[in-house]
Amino acid sequence: MVDNWYSSDADAEPNYTCTTPLPSYGANNKDGDPLFGNLAAGDYTLLKGSPCIDTGSNQGWMDGAKDLAGNTRKTYGGLGGTRGSPVVDMGAYEAPEAPPKGTVFMVR
């Protein structure tokens, strides 16, 4: 299989990516469908079950940072993760945090 990415930097490596085929080198890459909201419409938000949730690389500048939609980065657990330490999602959008179990919504 041939890698499906390109960089003009000879020393570049794919790190923290979600793609198929899985790159043969680099770190913390995921093989598979990132489960974007609606790829055809340009919606790159992450759906529940995305392998990109809680698998990014935390950086100091992310504390208090917002994603492209204005959502807080490094939520606790998101839609598919655990409720341990906050880990940023891969990509430009943070998956919204799922409501706690037993949450009751009132619709009027």
PDB file of N, CA and C in Angstrom:
ATOM      1  N   MET A   1       0.823  -1.180   0.000  1.00  0.00           N
ATOM      2  CA  MET A   1       0.000   0.000   0.000  1.00  0.00           C
ATOM      3  C   MET A   1       0.870   1.247   0.000  1.00  0.00           C
ATOM      4  N   VAL A   2       0.358   2.281  -0.594  1.00  0.00           N
ATOM      5  CA  VAL A   2       1.073   3.544  -0.680  1.00  0.00           C
ATOM      6  C   VAL A   2       0.482   4.521   0.333  1.00  0.00           C
ATOM      7  N   ASP A   3       1.347   5.266   1.041  1.00  0.00           N
ATOM      8  CA  ASP A   3       0.849   6.283   1.961  1.00  0.00           C
ATOM      9  C   ASP A   3       0.027   7.301   1.191  1.00  0.00           C
ATOM     10  N   ASN A   4      -1.032   7.818   1.796  1.00  0.00           N
ATOM     11  CA  ASN A   4      -1.917   8.746   1.118  1.00  0.00           C
ATOM     12  C   ASN A   4      -1.762  10.175   1.630  1.00  0.00           C
ATOM     13  N   TRP A   5      -0.555  10.584   1.960  1.00  0.00           N
ATOM     14  CA  TRP A   5      -0.292  11.953   2.371  1.00  0.00           C
ATOM     15  C   TRP A   5       1.027  12.389   1.764  1.00  0.00           C
ATOM     16  N   TYR A   6       1.272  13.708   1.755  1.00  0.00           N
ATOM     17  CA  TYR A   6       2.487  14.245   1.160  1.00  0.00           C
ATOM     18  C   TYR A   6       2.987  15.409   1.997  1.00  0.00           C
ATOM     19  N   SER A   7       4.283  15.517   2.145  1.00  0.00           N
ATOM     20  CA  SER A   7       4.917  16.672   2.766  1.00  0.00           C
ATOM     21  C   SER A   7       6.183  16.987   2.001  1.00  0.00           C
ATOM     22  N   SER A   8       6.435  18.272   1.801  1.00  0.00           N
ATOM     23  CA  SER A   8       7.663  18.675   1.110  1.00  0.00           C
ATOM     24  C   SER A   8       8.868  18.602   2.043  1.00  0.00           C
ATOM     25  N   ASP A   9       8.645  18.404   3.329  1.00  0.00           N
ATOM     26  CA  ASP A   9       9.713  18.280   4.309  1.00  0.00           C
ATOM     27  C   ASP A   9      10.134  16.814   4.378  1.00  0.00           C
ATOM     28  N   ALA A  10      11.354  16.524   4.008  1.00  0.00           N
ATOM     29  CA  ALA A  10      11.826  15.137   3.956  1.00  0.00           C
ATOM     30  C   ALA A  10      11.804  14.457   5.320  1.00  0.00           C
ATOM     31  N   ASP A  11      11.849  15.224   6.413  1.00  0.00           N
ATOM     32  CA  ASP A  11      11.868  14.645   7.752  1.00  0.00           C
ATOM     33  C   ASP A  11      10.486  14.586   8.396  1.00  0.00           C
ATOM     34  N   ALA A  12       9.459  14.995   7.677  1.00  0.00           N
ATOM     35  CA  ALA A  12       8.111  15.030   8.254  1.00  0.00           C
ATOM     36  C   ALA A  12       7.568  13.619   8.448  1.00  0.00           C
ATOM     37  N   GLU A  13       6.773  13.458   9.489  1.00  0.00           N
ATOM     38  CA  GLU A  13       6.102  12.191   9.755  1.00  0.00           C
ATOM     39  C   GLU A  13       4.632  12.462  10.014  1.00  0.00           C
ATOM     40  N   PRO A  14       3.765  11.537   9.633  1.00  0.00           N
ATOM     41  CA  PRO A  14       2.358  11.700   9.993  1.00  0.00           C
ATOM     42  C   PRO A  14       2.163  11.291  11.459  1.00  0.00           C
ATOM     43  N   ASN A  15       1.758  12.216  12.287  1.00  0.00           N
ATOM     44  CA  ASN A  15       1.508  11.952  13.696  1.00  0.00           C
ATOM     45  C   ASN A  15       0.099  12.414  14.037  1.00  0.00           C
ATOM     46  N   TYR A  16      -0.591  11.644  14.863  1.00  0.00           N
ATOM     47  CA  TYR A  16      -1.956  11.971  15.282  1.00  0.00           C
ATOM     48  C   TYR A  16      -2.867  12.183  14.077  1.00  0.00           C
ATOM     49  N   THR A  17      -2.918  11.182  13.217  1.00  0.00           N
ATOM     50  CA  THR A  17      -3.807  11.217  12.061  1.00  0.00           C
ATOM     51  C   THR A  17      -4.797  10.060  12.155  1.00  0.00           C
ATOM     52  N   CYS A  18      -5.874  10.172  11.411  1.00  0.00           N
ATOM     53  CA  CYS A  18      -6.853   9.094  11.310  1.00  0.00           C
ATOM     54  C   CYS A  18      -7.105   8.903   9.822  1.00  0.00           C
ATOM     55  N   THR A  19      -6.567   7.835   9.278  1.00  0.00           N
ATOM     56  CA  THR A  19      -6.603   7.641   7.836  1.00  0.00           C
ATOM     57  C   THR A  19      -6.492   6.161   7.491  1.00  0.00           C
ATOM     58  N   THR A  20      -6.855   5.840   6.278  1.00  0.00           N
ATOM     59  CA  THR A  20      -6.670   4.501   5.749  1.00  0.00           C
ATOM     60  C   THR A  20      -5.969   4.630   4.406  1.00  0.00           C
ATOM     61  N   PRO A  21      -4.892   3.934   4.172  1.00  0.00           N
ATOM     62  CA  PRO A  21      -4.274   2.955   5.063  1.00  0.00           C
ATOM     63  C   PRO A  21      -3.505   3.637   6.188  1.00  0.00           C
ATOM     64  N   LEU A  22      -3.291   2.897   7.250  1.00  0.00           N
ATOM     65  CA  LEU A  22      -2.519   3.389   8.373  1.00  0.00           C
ATOM     66  C   LEU A  22      -1.098   3.671   7.907  1.00  0.00           C
ATOM     67  N   PRO A  23      -0.563   4.878   8.188  1.00  0.00           N
ATOM     68  CA  PRO A  23       0.815   5.151   7.783  1.00  0.00           C
ATOM     69  C   PRO A  23       1.775   4.127   8.376  1.00  0.00           C
ATOM     70  N   SER A  24       2.813   3.804   7.647  1.00  0.00           N
ATOM     71  CA  SER A  24       3.768   2.787   8.098  1.00  0.00           C
ATOM     72  C   SER A  24       4.743   3.335   9.133  1.00  0.00           C
ATOM     73  N   TYR A  25       4.705   4.623   9.408  1.00  0.00           N
ATOM     74  CA  TYR A  25       5.563   5.230  10.419  1.00  0.00           C
ATOM     75  C   TYR A  25       4.833   6.443  10.989  1.00  0.00           C
ATOM     76  N   GLY A  26       5.426   7.063  11.974  1.00  0.00           N
ATOM     77  CA  GLY A  26       4.764   8.150  12.676  1.00  0.00           C
ATOM     78  C   GLY A  26       4.228   7.631  14.004  1.00  0.00           C
ATOM     79  N   ALA A  27       3.618   8.525  14.787  1.00  0.00           N
ATOM     80  CA  ALA A  27       3.163   8.154  16.123  1.00  0.00           C
ATOM     81  C   ALA A  27       1.687   8.476  16.330  1.00  0.00           C
ATOM     82  N   ASN A  28       1.026   7.610  17.082  1.00  0.00           N
ATOM     83  CA  ASN A  28      -0.355   7.830  17.521  1.00  0.00           C
ATOM     84  C   ASN A  28      -1.336   8.025  16.366  1.00  0.00           C
ATOM     85  N   ASN A  29      -1.165   7.260  15.314  1.00  0.00           N
ATOM     86  CA  ASN A  29      -2.079   7.303  14.181  1.00  0.00           C
ATOM     87  C   ASN A  29      -3.173   6.267  14.358  1.00  0.00           C
ATOM     88  N   LYS A  30      -4.340   6.565  13.822  1.00  0.00           N
ATOM     89  CA  LYS A  30      -5.489   5.670  13.887  1.00  0.00           C
ATOM     90  C   LYS A  30      -5.857   5.235  12.473  1.00  0.00           C
ATOM     91  N   ASP A  31      -6.206   3.982  12.327  1.00  0.00           N
ATOM     92  CA  ASP A  31      -6.622   3.439  11.043  1.00  0.00           C
ATOM     93  C   ASP A  31      -8.138   3.354  11.038  1.00  0.00           C
ATOM     94  N   GLY A  32      -8.769   4.025  10.096  1.00  0.00           N
ATOM     95  CA  GLY A  32     -10.210   3.907  10.011  1.00  0.00           C
ATOM     96  C   GLY A  32     -10.885   5.193   9.606  1.00  0.00           C
ATOM     97  N   ASP A  33     -12.187   5.144   9.613  1.00  0.00           N
ATOM     98  CA  ASP A  33     -13.037   6.271   9.266  1.00  0.00           C
ATOM     99  C   ASP A  33     -13.138   7.192  10.476  1.00  0.00           C
ATOM    100  N   PRO A  34     -12.817   8.488  10.330  1.00  0.00           N
ATOM    101  CA  PRO A  34     -12.907   9.394  11.469  1.00  0.00           C
ATOM    102  C   PRO A  34     -14.341   9.719  11.888  1.00  0.00           C
ATOM    103  N   LEU A  35     -15.325   9.290  11.096  1.00  0.00           N
ATOM    104  CA  LEU A  35     -16.739   9.521  11.387  1.00  0.00           C
ATOM    105  C   LEU A  35     -17.066  11.012  11.495  1.00  0.00           C
ATOM    106  N   PHE A  36     -16.848  11.721  10.379  1.00  0.00           N
ATOM    107  CA  PHE A  36     -17.216  13.129  10.308  1.00  0.00           C
ATOM    108  C   PHE A  36     -18.724  13.267  10.201  1.00  0.00           C
ATOM    109  N   GLY A  37     -19.245  14.404  10.662  1.00  0.00           N
ATOM    110  CA  GLY A  37     -20.676  14.660  10.639  1.00  0.00           C
ATOM    111  C   GLY A  37     -21.284  14.489   9.257  1.00  0.00           C
ATOM    112  N   ASN A  38     -20.742  15.202   8.260  1.00  0.00           N
ATOM    113  CA  ASN A  38     -21.232  15.105   6.881  1.00  0.00           C
ATOM    114  C   ASN A  38     -20.117  15.571   5.966  1.00  0.00           C
ATOM    115  N   LEU A  39     -19.251  14.645   5.595  1.00  0.00           N
ATOM    116  CA  LEU A  39     -18.079  14.955   4.795  1.00  0.00           C
ATOM    117  C   LEU A  39     -18.450  15.649   3.492  1.00  0.00           C
ATOM    118  N   ALA A  40     -19.492  15.179   2.806  1.00  0.00           N
ATOM    119  CA  ALA A  40     -19.896  15.759   1.518  1.00  0.00           C
ATOM    120  C   ALA A  40     -20.292  17.225   1.654  1.00  0.00           C
ATOM    121  N   ALA A  41     -20.822  17.597   2.816  1.00  0.00           N
ATOM    122  CA  ALA A  41     -21.250  18.977   3.045  1.00  0.00           C
ATOM    123  C   ALA A  41     -20.171  19.813   3.754  1.00  0.00           C
ATOM    124  N   GLY A  42     -19.007  19.224   3.974  1.00  0.00           N
ATOM    125  CA  GLY A  42     -17.924  19.943   4.632  1.00  0.00           C
ATOM    126  C   GLY A  42     -18.064  20.023   6.146  1.00  0.00           C
ATOM    127  N   ASP A  43     -18.854  19.136   6.737  1.00  0.00           N
ATOM    128  CA  ASP A  43     -19.035  19.106   8.184  1.00  0.00           C
ATOM    129  C   ASP A  43     -18.032  18.114   8.768  1.00  0.00           C
ATOM    130  N   TYR A  44     -16.973  18.633   9.376  1.00  0.00           N
ATOM    131  CA  TYR A  44     -15.914  17.795   9.917  1.00  0.00           C
ATOM    132  C   TYR A  44     -16.021  17.606  11.430  1.00  0.00           C
ATOM    133  N   THR A  45     -17.209  17.863  11.981  1.00  0.00           N
ATOM    134  CA  THR A  45     -17.406  17.568  13.399  1.00  0.00           C
ATOM    135  C   THR A  45     -17.387  16.048  13.576  1.00  0.00           C
ATOM    136  N   LEU A  46     -17.096  15.600  14.769  1.00  0.00           N
ATOM    137  CA  LEU A  46     -16.962  14.162  15.035  1.00  0.00           C
ATOM    138  C   LEU A  46     -18.255  13.580  15.574  1.00  0.00           C
ATOM    139  N   LEU A  47     -18.622  12.433  15.032  1.00  0.00           N
ATOM    140  CA  LEU A  47     -19.812  11.726  15.496  1.00  0.00           C
ATOM    141  C   LEU A  47     -19.450  10.776  16.630  1.00  0.00           C
ATOM    142  N   LYS A  48     -20.454  10.377  17.387  1.00  0.00           N
ATOM    143  CA  LYS A  48     -20.259   9.411  18.461  1.00  0.00           C
ATOM    144  C   LYS A  48     -19.579   8.166  17.910  1.00  0.00           C
ATOM    145  N   GLY A  49     -18.585   7.682  18.612  1.00  0.00           N
ATOM    146  CA  GLY A  49     -17.863   6.493  18.196  1.00  0.00           C
ATOM    147  C   GLY A  49     -16.644   6.781  17.334  1.00  0.00           C
ATOM    148  N   SER A  50     -16.381   8.053  17.042  1.00  0.00           N
ATOM    149  CA  SER A  50     -15.211   8.395  16.225  1.00  0.00           C
ATOM    150  C   SER A  50     -13.930   7.976  16.933  1.00  0.00           C
ATOM    151  N   PRO A  51     -12.990   7.360  16.192  1.00  0.00           N
ATOM    152  CA  PRO A  51     -11.712   6.996  16.807  1.00  0.00           C
ATOM    153  C   PRO A  51     -10.848   8.221  17.100  1.00  0.00           C
ATOM    154  N   CYS A  52     -11.293   9.414  16.687  1.00  0.00           N
ATOM    155  CA  CYS A  52     -10.531  10.645  16.910  1.00  0.00           C
ATOM    156  C   CYS A  52     -10.844  11.305  18.251  1.00  0.00           C
ATOM    157  N   ILE A  53     -11.891  10.845  18.929  1.00  0.00           N
ATOM    158  CA  ILE A  53     -12.287  11.447  20.197  1.00  0.00           C
ATOM    159  C   ILE A  53     -11.306  11.043  21.295  1.00  0.00           C
ATOM    160  N   ASP A  54     -10.822  12.047  22.009  1.00  0.00           N
ATOM    161  CA  ASP A  54      -9.900  11.850  23.137  1.00  0.00           C
ATOM    162  C   ASP A  54      -8.602  11.162  22.736  1.00  0.00           C
ATOM    163  N   THR A  55      -8.123  11.409  21.524  1.00  0.00           N
ATOM    164  CA  THR A  55      -6.890  10.760  21.077  1.00  0.00           C
ATOM    165  C   THR A  55      -5.887  11.743  20.477  1.00  0.00           C
ATOM    166  N   GLY A  56      -6.089  13.047  20.731  1.00  0.00           N
ATOM    167  CA  GLY A  56      -5.161  14.050  20.220  1.00  0.00           C
ATOM    168  C   GLY A  56      -3.946  14.190  21.117  1.00  0.00           C
ATOM    169  N   SER A  57      -3.200  15.251  20.900  1.00  0.00           N
ATOM    170  CA  SER A  57      -1.989  15.517  21.664  1.00  0.00           C
ATOM    171  C   SER A  57      -2.176  16.826  22.440  1.00  0.00           C
ATOM    172  N   ASN A  58      -2.337  16.725  23.749  1.00  0.00           N
ATOM    173  CA  ASN A  58      -2.513  17.923  24.561  1.00  0.00           C
ATOM    174  C   ASN A  58      -1.270  18.805  24.499  1.00  0.00           C
ATOM    175  N   GLN A  59      -1.513  20.095  24.350  1.00  0.00           N
ATOM    176  CA  GLN A  59      -0.450  21.100  24.339  1.00  0.00           C
ATOM    177  C   GLN A  59      -0.840  22.182  25.339  1.00  0.00           C
ATOM    178  N   GLY A  60       0.122  22.847  25.927  1.00  0.00           N
ATOM    179  CA  GLY A  60      -0.154  23.869  26.922  1.00  0.00           C
ATOM    180  C   GLY A  60      -1.063  24.978  26.428  1.00  0.00           C
ATOM    181  N   TRP A  61      -0.915  25.358  25.172  1.00  0.00           N
ATOM    182  CA  TRP A  61      -1.723  26.460  24.638  1.00  0.00           C
ATOM    183  C   TRP A  61      -3.202  26.092  24.536  1.00  0.00           C
ATOM    184  N   MET A  62      -3.537  24.827  24.649  1.00  0.00           N
ATOM    185  CA  MET A  62      -4.927  24.390  24.508  1.00  0.00           C
ATOM    186  C   MET A  62      -5.771  24.652  25.750  1.00  0.00           C
ATOM    187  N   ASP A  63      -5.147  24.922  26.888  1.00  0.00           N
ATOM    188  CA  ASP A  63      -5.906  25.205  28.100  1.00  0.00           C
ATOM    189  C   ASP A  63      -6.746  26.455  27.875  1.00  0.00           C
ATOM    190  N   GLY A  64      -8.048  26.295  27.905  1.00  0.00           N
ATOM    191  CA  GLY A  64      -8.966  27.406  27.665  1.00  0.00           C
ATOM    192  C   GLY A  64      -9.184  27.741  26.202  1.00  0.00           C
ATOM    193  N   ALA A  65      -8.551  26.997  25.287  1.00  0.00           N
ATOM    194  CA  ALA A  65      -8.694  27.263  23.850  1.00  0.00           C
ATOM    195  C   ALA A  65     -10.049  26.794  23.336  1.00  0.00           C
ATOM    196  N   LYS A  66     -10.448  27.306  22.195  1.00  0.00           N
ATOM    197  CA  LYS A  66     -11.711  26.936  21.548  1.00  0.00           C
ATOM    198  C   LYS A  66     -11.412  26.273  20.210  1.00  0.00           C
ATOM    199  N   ASP A  67     -12.320  25.404  19.756  1.00  0.00           N
ATOM    200  CA  ASP A  67     -12.182  24.800  18.426  1.00  0.00           C
ATOM    201  C   ASP A  67     -12.770  25.761  17.389  1.00  0.00           C
ATOM    202  N   LEU A  68     -12.829  25.345  16.135  1.00  0.00           N
ATOM    203  CA  LEU A  68     -13.324  26.234  15.078  1.00  0.00           C
ATOM    204  C   LEU A  68     -14.791  26.599  15.231  1.00  0.00           C
ATOM    205  N   ALA A  69     -15.545  25.808  15.983  1.00  0.00           N
ATOM    206  CA  ALA A  69     -16.961  26.112  16.212  1.00  0.00           C
ATOM    207  C   ALA A  69     -17.172  26.907  17.504  1.00  0.00           C
ATOM    208  N   GLY A  70     -16.083  27.215  18.216  1.00  0.00           N
ATOM    209  CA  GLY A  70     -16.189  27.974  19.459  1.00  0.00           C
ATOM    210  C   GLY A  70     -16.392  27.115  20.694  1.00  0.00           C
ATOM    211  N   ASN A  71     -16.266  25.796  20.560  1.00  0.00           N
ATOM    212  CA  ASN A  71     -16.407  24.886  21.698  1.00  0.00           C
ATOM    213  C   ASN A  71     -15.074  24.764  22.433  1.00  0.00           C
ATOM    214  N   THR A  72     -15.141  24.562  23.735  1.00  0.00           N
ATOM    215  CA  THR A  72     -13.934  24.406  24.544  1.00  0.00           C
ATOM    216  C   THR A  72     -13.194  23.140  24.139  1.00  0.00           C
ATOM    217  N   ARG A  73     -11.876  23.260  23.995  1.00  0.00           N
ATOM    218  CA  ARG A  73     -11.045  22.083  23.730  1.00  0.00           C
ATOM    219  C   ARG A  73     -10.835  21.319  25.032  1.00  0.00           C
ATOM    220  N   LYS A  74     -10.376  20.075  24.910  1.00  0.00           N
ATOM    221  CA  LYS A  74     -10.054  19.236  26.056  1.00  0.00           C
ATOM    222  C   LYS A  74     -11.250  19.030  26.978  1.00  0.00           C
ATOM    223  N   THR A  75     -12.385  18.619  26.408  1.00  0.00           N
ATOM    224  CA  THR A  75     -13.512  18.285  27.265  1.00  0.00           C
ATOM    225  C   THR A  75     -13.240  16.960  27.948  1.00  0.00           C
ATOM    226  N   TYR A  76     -13.964  16.677  28.976  1.00  0.00           N
ATOM    227  CA  TYR A  76     -13.753  15.446  29.739  1.00  0.00           C
ATOM    228  C   TYR A  76     -14.530  14.305  29.131  1.00  0.00           C
ATOM    229  N   GLY A  77     -13.896  13.557  28.297  1.00  0.00           N
ATOM    230  CA  GLY A  77     -14.511  12.331  27.823  1.00  0.00           C
ATOM    231  C   GLY A  77     -15.259  12.420  26.517  1.00  0.00           C
ATOM    232  N   GLY A  78     -15.813  13.554  26.176  1.00  0.00           N
ATOM    233  CA  GLY A  78     -16.523  13.676  24.903  1.00  0.00           C
ATOM    234  C   GLY A  78     -17.578  12.597  24.729  1.00  0.00           C
ATOM    235  N   LEU A  79     -17.924  12.323  23.490  1.00  0.00           N
ATOM    236  CA  LEU A  79     -18.973  11.358  23.184  1.00  0.00           C
ATOM    237  C   LEU A  79     -18.512   9.914  23.237  1.00  0.00           C
ATOM    238  N   GLY A  80     -17.229   9.679  23.199  1.00  0.00           N
ATOM    239  CA  GLY A  80     -16.803   8.292  23.112  1.00  0.00           C
ATOM    240  C   GLY A  80     -15.727   7.911  24.095  1.00  0.00           C
ATOM    241  N   GLY A  81     -15.288   8.854  24.897  1.00  0.00           N
ATOM    242  CA  GLY A  81     -14.161   8.562  25.758  1.00  0.00           C
ATOM    243  C   GLY A  81     -14.541   8.275  27.183  1.00  0.00           C
ATOM    244  N   THR A  82     -13.556   8.373  28.034  1.00  0.00           N
ATOM    245  CA  THR A  82     -13.755   8.122  29.452  1.00  0.00           C
ATOM    246  C   THR A  82     -13.905   9.448  30.177  1.00  0.00           C
ATOM    247  N   ARG A  83     -14.178   9.388  31.434  1.00  0.00           N
ATOM    248  CA  ARG A  83     -14.299  10.620  32.217  1.00  0.00           C
ATOM    249  C   ARG A  83     -13.035  10.833  33.047  1.00  0.00           C
ATOM    250  N   GLY A  84     -11.905  10.425  32.524  1.00  0.00           N
ATOM    251  CA  GLY A  84     -10.636  10.633  33.207  1.00  0.00           C
ATOM    252  C   GLY A  84     -10.094  12.019  32.906  1.00  0.00           C
ATOM    253  N   SER A  85      -8.809  12.118  32.774  1.00  0.00           N
ATOM    254  CA  SER A  85      -8.177  13.398  32.465  1.00  0.00           C
ATOM    255  C   SER A  85      -8.608  13.869  31.081  1.00  0.00           C
ATOM    256  N   PRO A  86      -8.763  15.179  30.900  1.00  0.00           N
ATOM    257  CA  PRO A  86      -9.191  15.685  29.595  1.00  0.00           C
ATOM    258  C   PRO A  86      -8.108  15.491  28.540  1.00  0.00           C
ATOM    259  N   VAL A  87      -8.503  14.979  27.384  1.00  0.00           N
ATOM    260  CA  VAL A  87      -7.609  14.815  26.247  1.00  0.00           C
ATOM    261  C   VAL A  87      -8.285  15.444  25.040  1.00  0.00           C
ATOM    262  N   VAL A  88      -7.549  16.263  24.338  1.00  0.00           N
ATOM    263  CA  VAL A  88      -8.090  16.929  23.154  1.00  0.00           C
ATOM    264  C   VAL A  88      -8.418  15.903  22.071  1.00  0.00           C
ATOM    265  N   ASP A  89      -9.443  16.195  21.286  1.00  0.00           N
ATOM    266  CA  ASP A  89      -9.780  15.342  20.143  1.00  0.00           C
ATOM    267  C   ASP A  89      -8.863  15.677  18.977  1.00  0.00           C
ATOM    268  N   MET A  90      -8.641  14.713  18.100  1.00  0.00           N
ATOM    269  CA  MET A  90      -7.913  14.994  16.855  1.00  0.00           C
ATOM    270  C   MET A  90      -8.782  15.884  15.979  1.00  0.00           C
ATOM    271  N   GLY A  91      -8.148  16.770  15.239  1.00  0.00           N
ATOM    272  CA  GLY A  91      -8.882  17.577  14.287  1.00  0.00           C
ATOM    273  C   GLY A  91      -9.229  18.962  14.794  1.00  0.00           C
ATOM    274  N   ALA A  92      -9.984  19.673  13.989  1.00  0.00           N
ATOM    275  CA  ALA A  92     -10.300  21.070  14.261  1.00  0.00           C
ATOM    276  C   ALA A  92     -11.502  21.253  15.168  1.00  0.00           C
ATOM    277  N   TYR A  93     -12.256  20.178  15.430  1.00  0.00           N
ATOM    278  CA  TYR A  93     -13.476  20.277  16.228  1.00  0.00           C
ATOM    279  C   TYR A  93     -13.444  19.310  17.398  1.00  0.00           C
ATOM    280  N   GLU A  94     -13.875  19.792  18.547  1.00  0.00           N
ATOM    281  CA  GLU A  94     -13.990  18.965  19.735  1.00  0.00           C
ATOM    282  C   GLU A  94     -15.402  18.386  19.765  1.00  0.00           C
ATOM    283  N   ALA A  95     -15.514  17.078  19.963  1.00  0.00           N
ATOM    284  CA  ALA A  95     -16.844  16.470  20.057  1.00  0.00           C
ATOM    285  C   ALA A  95     -17.527  17.002  21.304  1.00  0.00           C
ATOM    286  N   PRO A  96     -18.823  17.265  21.223  1.00  0.00           N
ATOM    287  CA  PRO A  96     -19.513  17.760  22.416  1.00  0.00           C
ATOM    288  C   PRO A  96     -19.558  16.684  23.488  1.00  0.00           C
ATOM    289  N   GLU A  97     -19.502  17.115  24.729  1.00  0.00           N
ATOM    290  CA  GLU A  97     -19.551  16.162  25.831  1.00  0.00           C
ATOM    291  C   GLU A  97     -20.959  15.618  25.966  1.00  0.00           C
ATOM    292  N   ALA A  98     -21.064  14.327  26.120  1.00  0.00           N
ATOM    293  CA  ALA A  98     -22.373  13.691  26.297  1.00  0.00           C
ATOM    294  C   ALA A  98     -22.938  14.074  27.658  1.00  0.00           C
ATOM    295  N   PRO A  99     -24.255  14.260  27.772  1.00  0.00           N
ATOM    296  CA  PRO A  99     -24.829  14.571  29.075  1.00  0.00           C
ATOM    297  C   PRO A  99     -24.689  13.375  30.010  1.00  0.00           C
ATOM    298  N   PRO A 100     -24.611  13.627  31.311  1.00  0.00           N
ATOM    299  CA  PRO A 100     -24.497  12.513  32.265  1.00  0.00           C
ATOM    300  C   PRO A 100     -25.703  11.583  32.169  1.00  0.00           C
ATOM    301  N   LYS A 101     -25.482  10.306  32.476  1.00  0.00           N
ATOM    302  CA  LYS A 101     -26.588   9.344  32.474  1.00  0.00           C
ATOM    303  C   LYS A 101     -27.649   9.789  33.465  1.00  0.00           C
ATOM    304  N   GLY A 102     -28.897   9.589  33.109  1.00  0.00           N
ATOM    305  CA  GLY A 102     -29.993   9.972  33.980  1.00  0.00           C
ATOM    306  C   GLY A 102     -30.448  11.407  33.793  1.00  0.00           C
ATOM    307  N   THR A 103     -29.804  12.153  32.857  1.00  0.00           N
ATOM    308  CA  THR A 103     -30.213  13.531  32.612  1.00  0.00           C
ATOM    309  C   THR A 103     -31.594  13.533  31.977  1.00  0.00           C
ATOM    310  N   VAL A 104     -32.473  14.354  32.494  1.00  0.00           N
ATOM    311  CA  VAL A 104     -33.825  14.460  31.978  1.00  0.00           C
ATOM    312  C   VAL A 104     -33.954  15.800  31.262  1.00  0.00           C
ATOM    313  N   PHE A 105     -34.445  15.758  30.033  1.00  0.00           N
ATOM    314  CA  PHE A 105     -34.656  16.971  29.270  1.00  0.00           C
ATOM    315  C   PHE A 105     -36.136  17.287  29.214  1.00  0.00           C
ATOM    316  N   MET A 106     -36.489  18.522  29.443  1.00  0.00           N
ATOM    317  CA  MET A 106     -37.878  18.963  29.378  1.00  0.00           C
ATOM    318  C   MET A 106     -38.073  19.694  28.052  1.00  0.00           C
ATOM    319  N   VAL A 107     -39.081  19.307  27.280  1.00  0.00           N
ATOM    320  CA  VAL A 107     -39.380  19.955  26.013  1.00  0.00           C
ATOM    321  C   VAL A 107     -40.734  20.625  26.154  1.00  0.00           C
ATOM    322  N   ARG A 108     -40.796  21.884  25.774  1.00  0.00           N
ATOM    323  CA  ARG A 108     -42.060  22.619  25.875  1.00  0.00           C
ATOM    324  C   ARG A 108     -42.513  23.051  24.521  1.00  0.00           C
TER     325      ARG A 108
END
